[in-house]
Structures are given as C-alpha cells and as structure tokens.
Protein backbone atom coordinates (compact mmCIF):
# COMPACT_ATOMS: atom_id res chain seq x y z
CA UNK A 1 -0.06 0.21 -0.03
CA UNK A 2 1.43 3.33 -1.05
CA UNK A 3 1.21 5.95 1.91
CA UNK A 4 0.47 9.44 2.15
CA UNK A 5 -0.48 10.56 -1.55
CA UNK A 6 -2.67 13.46 -1.24
CA UNK A 7 -3.21 12.47 2.62
CA UNK A 8 -2.14 14.12 5.77
CA UNK A 9 0.42 12.61 8.35
CA UNK A 10 -0.75 11.31 11.69
CA UNK A 11 1.62 12.65 14.45
CA UNK A 12 1.78 10.80 17.65
CA UNK A 13 2.54 13.32 20.25
CA UNK A 14 3.67 12.27 23.85
CA UNK A 15 2.47 14.47 26.57
CA UNK A 16 3.97 15.41 29.81
CA UNK A 17 3.58 12.81 32.55
CA UNK A 18 3.42 15.05 35.38
CA UNK A 19 1.45 18.70 35.26
CA UNK A 20 4.48 19.89 37.33
CA UNK A 21 7.28 18.56 35.05
CA UNK A 22 10.01 20.63 33.86
CA UNK A 23 10.96 18.45 31.02
CA UNK A 24 11.61 20.40 27.67
CA UNK A 25 10.30 19.31 23.92
CA UNK A 26 12.93 19.43 21.33
CA UNK A 27 12.87 22.21 19.11
CA UNK A 28 12.04 19.80 16.10
CA UNK A 29 8.97 18.46 17.96
CA UNK A 30 7.83 22.05 18.83
CA UNK A 31 8.09 23.02 15.15
CA UNK A 32 5.90 20.02 14.26
CA UNK A 33 3.37 20.70 16.85
CA UNK A 34 3.01 24.23 16.11
CA UNK A 35 2.14 23.64 12.70
CA UNK A 36 -0.95 21.74 13.72
CA UNK A 37 -4.64 22.87 14.41
CA UNK A 38 -6.22 19.48 14.36
CA UNK A 39 -5.96 16.72 17.00
CA UNK A 40 -7.17 13.70 18.45
CA UNK A 41 -7.29 13.56 22.12
CA UNK A 42 -8.55 11.51 25.30
CA UNK A 43 -9.59 14.83 26.87
CA UNK A 44 -9.97 18.29 25.21
CA UNK A 45 -9.09 20.38 28.42
CA UNK A 46 -5.81 18.63 29.34
CA UNK A 47 -4.80 18.55 25.47
CA UNK A 48 -5.56 22.55 25.29
CA UNK A 49 -3.26 22.84 28.37
CA UNK A 50 -0.51 20.93 26.96
CA UNK A 51 -0.64 22.76 23.59
CA UNK A 52 -0.55 26.18 25.62
CA UNK A 53 2.45 24.83 27.86
CA UNK A 54 4.33 24.09 24.38
CA UNK A 55 4.06 27.75 23.72
CA UNK A 56 1.85 27.27 20.40
CA UNK A 57 1.69 30.35 18.55
CA UNK A 58 -1.99 29.59 17.57
CA UNK A 59 -5.10 30.96 19.30
CA UNK A 60 -7.21 28.10 21.11
CA UNK A 61 -10.08 29.07 19.12
CA UNK A 62 -8.19 27.79 16.07
CA UNK A 63 -7.95 24.20 17.41
CA UNK A 64 -10.24 21.38 16.14
CA UNK A 65 -10.47 18.53 18.52
CA UNK A 66 -11.74 14.72 17.97
CA UNK A 67 -12.39 13.18 21.42
CA UNK A 68 -11.31 9.43 21.72
CA UNK A 69 -12.26 7.67 24.78
CA UNK A 70 -14.23 4.71 26.27
CA UNK A 71 -17.51 6.06 24.81
CA UNK A 72 -16.09 6.53 21.25
CA UNK A 73 -18.27 4.48 18.91
CA UNK A 74 -16.71 2.49 15.84
CA UNK A 75 -18.32 4.84 13.44
CA UNK A 76 -16.61 7.89 15.10
CA UNK A 77 -13.23 6.53 14.02
CA UNK A 78 -13.86 6.93 10.32
CA UNK A 79 -15.01 10.43 11.01
CA UNK A 80 -11.75 11.42 12.90
CA UNK A 81 -9.73 10.39 10.07
CA UNK A 82 -11.63 12.45 7.51
CA UNK A 83 -9.23 15.39 7.84
CA UNK A 84 -6.28 13.14 7.44
CA UNK A 85 -7.86 11.62 4.40
CA UNK A 86 -8.52 14.96 2.95
CA UNK A 87 -4.88 15.87 3.32
CA UNK A 88 -4.83 17.55 6.78
CA UNK A 89 -1.93 16.75 9.22
CA UNK A 90 -3.24 15.73 12.54
CA UNK A 91 -1.66 15.13 16.06
CA UNK A 92 -2.96 12.60 18.40
CA UNK A 93 -2.31 13.00 22.42
CA UNK A 94 -2.72 10.66 25.07
CA UNK A 95 -3.98 12.07 28.50
CA UNK A 96 -0.54 11.63 29.81
CA UNK A 97 2.48 10.12 28.24
CA UNK A 98 2.74 8.24 24.77
CA UNK A 99 -0.41 7.80 22.77
CA UNK A 100 -1.31 4.21 21.55
CA UNK A 101 0.34 2.63 24.55
CA UNK A 102 -2.30 1.87 27.75
CA UNK A 103 -4.84 4.16 26.00
CA UNK A 104 -7.34 3.76 23.28
CA UNK A 105 -5.15 5.59 20.50
CA UNK A 106 -4.11 2.27 19.02
CA UNK A 107 -7.23 1.82 17.08
CA UNK A 108 -6.84 5.22 15.47
CA UNK A 109 -3.23 4.29 14.34
CA UNK A 110 -4.33 0.71 13.12
CA UNK A 111 -7.08 2.39 11.07
CA UNK A 112 -4.71 5.23 9.67
CA UNK A 113 -2.41 2.31 8.50
CA UNK A 114 -5.19 0.41 6.65
CA UNK A 115 -6.07 3.81 4.80
CA UNK A 116 -2.55 4.49 3.91
CA UNK A 117 -2.18 7.34 6.21
CA UNK A 118 1.53 7.99 7.14
CA UNK A 119 1.91 7.56 10.86
CA UNK A 120 4.82 9.57 12.63
CA UNK A 121 5.69 8.92 16.28
CA UNK A 122 7.47 11.68 18.09
CA UNK A 123 9.76 11.51 20.74
CA UNK A 124 8.82 11.61 24.49
CA UNK A 125 8.12 10.07 27.84
CA UNK A 126 6.63 6.73 28.64
CA UNK A 127 6.09 5.93 32.34
CA UNK A 128 6.28 2.17 31.54
CA UNK A 129 9.70 2.58 29.81
CA UNK A 130 10.88 4.91 32.55
CA UNK A 131 9.79 2.67 35.24
CA UNK A 132 11.38 -0.17 33.91
CA UNK A 133 14.52 1.56 33.21
CA UNK A 134 14.83 2.64 37.07
CA UNK A 135 13.59 -0.57 38.62
CA UNK A 136 16.87 -2.91 38.13
CA UNK A 137 14.84 -5.66 36.90
CA UNK A 138 15.09 -7.50 33.39
CA UNK A 139 14.91 -4.95 30.50
CA UNK A 140 15.57 -7.63 27.88
CA UNK A 141 12.37 -9.43 28.31
CA UNK A 142 9.21 -8.04 30.09
CA UNK A 143 5.30 -8.10 29.64
CA UNK A 144 2.84 -5.16 30.10
CA UNK A 145 -0.49 -6.40 31.28
CA UNK A 146 -2.27 -2.70 31.57
CA UNK A 147 -4.74 -2.54 33.76
CA UNK A 148 -5.27 -5.79 35.97
CA UNK A 149 -8.61 -6.88 37.32
CA UNK A 150 -10.49 -4.53 40.08
CA UNK A 151 -12.06 -7.36 41.79
CA UNK A 152 -10.04 -8.32 44.89
CA UNK A 153 -10.00 -12.10 44.24
CA UNK A 154 -9.41 -11.67 40.33
CA UNK A 155 -6.62 -9.21 41.22
CA UNK A 156 -4.79 -12.04 43.54
CA UNK A 157 -5.30 -14.54 41.07
CA UNK A 158 -3.79 -12.33 38.13
CA UNK A 159 -0.80 -11.59 40.60
CA UNK A 160 -0.21 -15.30 41.27
CA UNK A 161 -0.41 -15.83 37.59
CA UNK A 162 2.20 -13.09 36.72
CA UNK A 163 4.47 -14.53 39.53
CA UNK A 164 4.39 -17.93 38.06
CA UNK A 165 5.30 -16.25 34.49
CA UNK A 166 7.95 -14.63 36.26
CA UNK A 167 9.56 -17.75 37.95
CA UNK A 168 9.26 -19.59 34.82
CA UNK A 169 10.84 -17.32 32.15
CA UNK A 170 12.14 -14.30 34.03
CA UNK A 171 10.15 -11.77 32.13
CA UNK A 172 9.41 -8.51 34.33
CA UNK A 173 6.09 -8.17 34.79
CA UNK A 174 4.47 -4.65 34.36
CA UNK A 175 1.09 -3.36 35.32
CA UNK A 176 -0.86 -0.25 36.19
CA UNK A 177 -4.01 0.78 38.53
CA UNK A 178 -6.19 3.53 38.96
CA UNK A 179 -4.82 5.87 41.57
CA UNK A 180 -7.40 5.34 44.25
CA UNK A 181 -6.83 1.56 43.98
CA UNK A 182 -3.04 1.82 44.32
CA UNK A 183 -3.24 0.93 48.18
CA UNK A 184 -5.37 -2.20 47.64
CA UNK A 185 -3.37 -3.49 44.90
CA UNK A 186 0.01 -2.75 47.01
CA UNK A 187 -1.51 -4.65 49.79
CA UNK A 188 -2.40 -7.59 47.65
CA UNK A 189 1.18 -7.66 46.05
CA UNK A 190 2.68 -7.99 49.55
CA UNK A 191 0.22 -10.66 50.83
CA UNK A 192 0.39 -12.70 47.63
CA UNK A 193 4.00 -12.65 46.30
CA UNK A 194 6.77 -14.84 47.70
CA UNK A 195 9.25 -12.88 49.92
CA UNK A 196 11.95 -13.24 47.35
CA UNK A 197 10.14 -11.58 44.52
CA UNK A 198 11.22 -8.08 43.77
CA UNK A 199 8.65 -5.18 43.53
CA UNK A 200 9.05 -2.01 42.14
CA UNK A 201 6.64 1.01 42.76
CA UNK A 202 7.28 4.16 40.38
CA UNK A 203 5.07 7.07 40.85
CA UNK A 204 4.77 10.75 39.64
CA UNK A 205 7.44 9.93 37.12
CA UNK A 206 9.32 13.21 35.82
CA UNK A 207 7.43 15.08 38.48
CA UNK A 208 8.56 16.97 41.72
CA UNK A 209 7.24 14.33 43.80
CA UNK A 210 8.85 11.43 41.62
CA UNK A 211 9.22 8.23 43.71
CA UNK A 212 10.92 5.00 42.78
CA UNK A 213 11.40 2.22 45.10
CA UNK A 214 12.39 -1.35 44.35
CA UNK A 215 13.28 -4.24 46.76
CA UNK A 216 12.25 -7.57 47.40
CA UNK A 217 8.77 -8.35 49.03
CA UNK A 218 10.29 -9.35 52.40
CA UNK A 219 12.04 -5.65 52.67
CA UNK A 220 8.85 -4.11 51.74
CA UNK A 221 6.93 -5.83 54.31
CA UNK A 222 9.15 -4.07 56.90
CA UNK A 223 8.62 -0.44 55.56
CA UNK A 224 5.91 1.79 56.73
CA UNK A 225 5.00 2.86 53.28
CA UNK A 226 2.41 5.41 52.49
CA UNK A 227 0.91 4.49 49.08
CA UNK A 228 0.15 7.72 47.31
CA UNK A 229 -3.03 8.16 45.21
CA UNK A 230 -1.25 9.12 41.98
CA UNK A 231 -0.50 7.63 38.72
CA UNK A 232 2.01 4.85 39.32
CA UNK A 233 3.58 1.80 37.58
CA UNK A 234 4.13 -1.72 39.34
CA UNK A 235 6.64 -3.92 38.40
CA UNK A 236 7.57 -7.67 39.49
CA UNK A 237 10.73 -9.13 38.95
CA UNK A 238 13.70 -11.15 40.09
C-alpha cells in the first residue's frame, strides 16, 4: 500500500507525565506541533493545556479536537480520520505520556495504516519504559499487562499468575492501576507474592514528587510505606 499521496500525516505526540514537569520538548517536536491545528485527544481540556505549555503561536479558538475515549463508537473513528484523508496533518495525544500505549489511541493508528495514512511517532516520555529503566529488573524481556482486574479475588489470581510466569521465564511483569486503588493493589502484592520476588513502585515519574522504590517483598513488608493516590507503575521481577 502506498502511503501519504494527497493525505495528511498522523503525528503521535507524547504529552507530559506530570503537570509539574520541567522537561522540555525538542525544537524539532515543537516545530511540528506548532504547525498543527487538528487533534485527536482523550481529554480536550488537558490537551489544550498541553498545547498552551508548548508555547503554540495559535489561538485556542483555531484548534479542532476529536475526542477518543471509552465512549467512542466504531463509526466515530472513520469520522476522525476524514481530515487526514483530505490532506490535513493531525496530531494525536494521550491523557499523559505516549499515545497508543495503555490508551485507546491504537485503534486510530491501526485504521490510519489500513487507509494508507503516514504515521509518525514523536519522541517523548513513557511511564512504562521509565519505570522499567529505573527498576533494576530484566529490561531484555518484559510483559506489560495494562490494568489488572479490579475485583479483589480476580486481582490476587492475576498476581499469582504473573509471579508464576516471572519464575518460569524471568520476564519482568509490568502493570498499572487507577490511583485510588493503588493501596489495595499494593497490599495484595505484599500478601500474595513470595518474599524473594522483587517489587518496584514508581509514581509521579518526571514530576516533583517522583518516587521509585525497588526491593524484594521481604524488605517491603518491613517498610511503613504510605501508598500515594497518584499515577503509578507496578513491576514484579527477579
């Protein structure tokens, strides 16, 4: 399939992981972002705030947003791609971090490829990769599970399955949770996993209250750790 003849380019734009981050975007990225006025985003308010923070020269009234979230219907996807098919470059943003990873953006990317639209990922922060980098765990082989079950019994079952997989093939197990359930998940990890299993908790990555702790379960049990209700990444490893 030949790409991009008369069609726009879909730019995948990583947003800041923390509202308080001091990280800078490269000049090349800013140049691309500042040419765009059409976007696909999970949340319009946070997307506008991000664009403002980039120093965009455009007025907010000039922006056109398509919202992609859990309420998006199948037919909406084709509608969102119409500007691209008509030759309009479009940016896609996640709520935080890298679009298309642990968010609904992958369906847009897949459809874009099917329609011969050029897809260009821009460089930026991924909480999953940053957590893995800083965990001291196996970075050669790892599995990202996304959100694990919210039901307590199902959650514990999933943790046991991940630990079995970890012991079998040594793959680091990575997963996330809704912030208000961080404490319940943390407590389940300590109760279910073996003392020798390593556990890393990484929260507010790139933010001012960034916290990364990685040690075995035995040591964790001795800690008086107050689990924060903020976005975090959980990792189990050897």
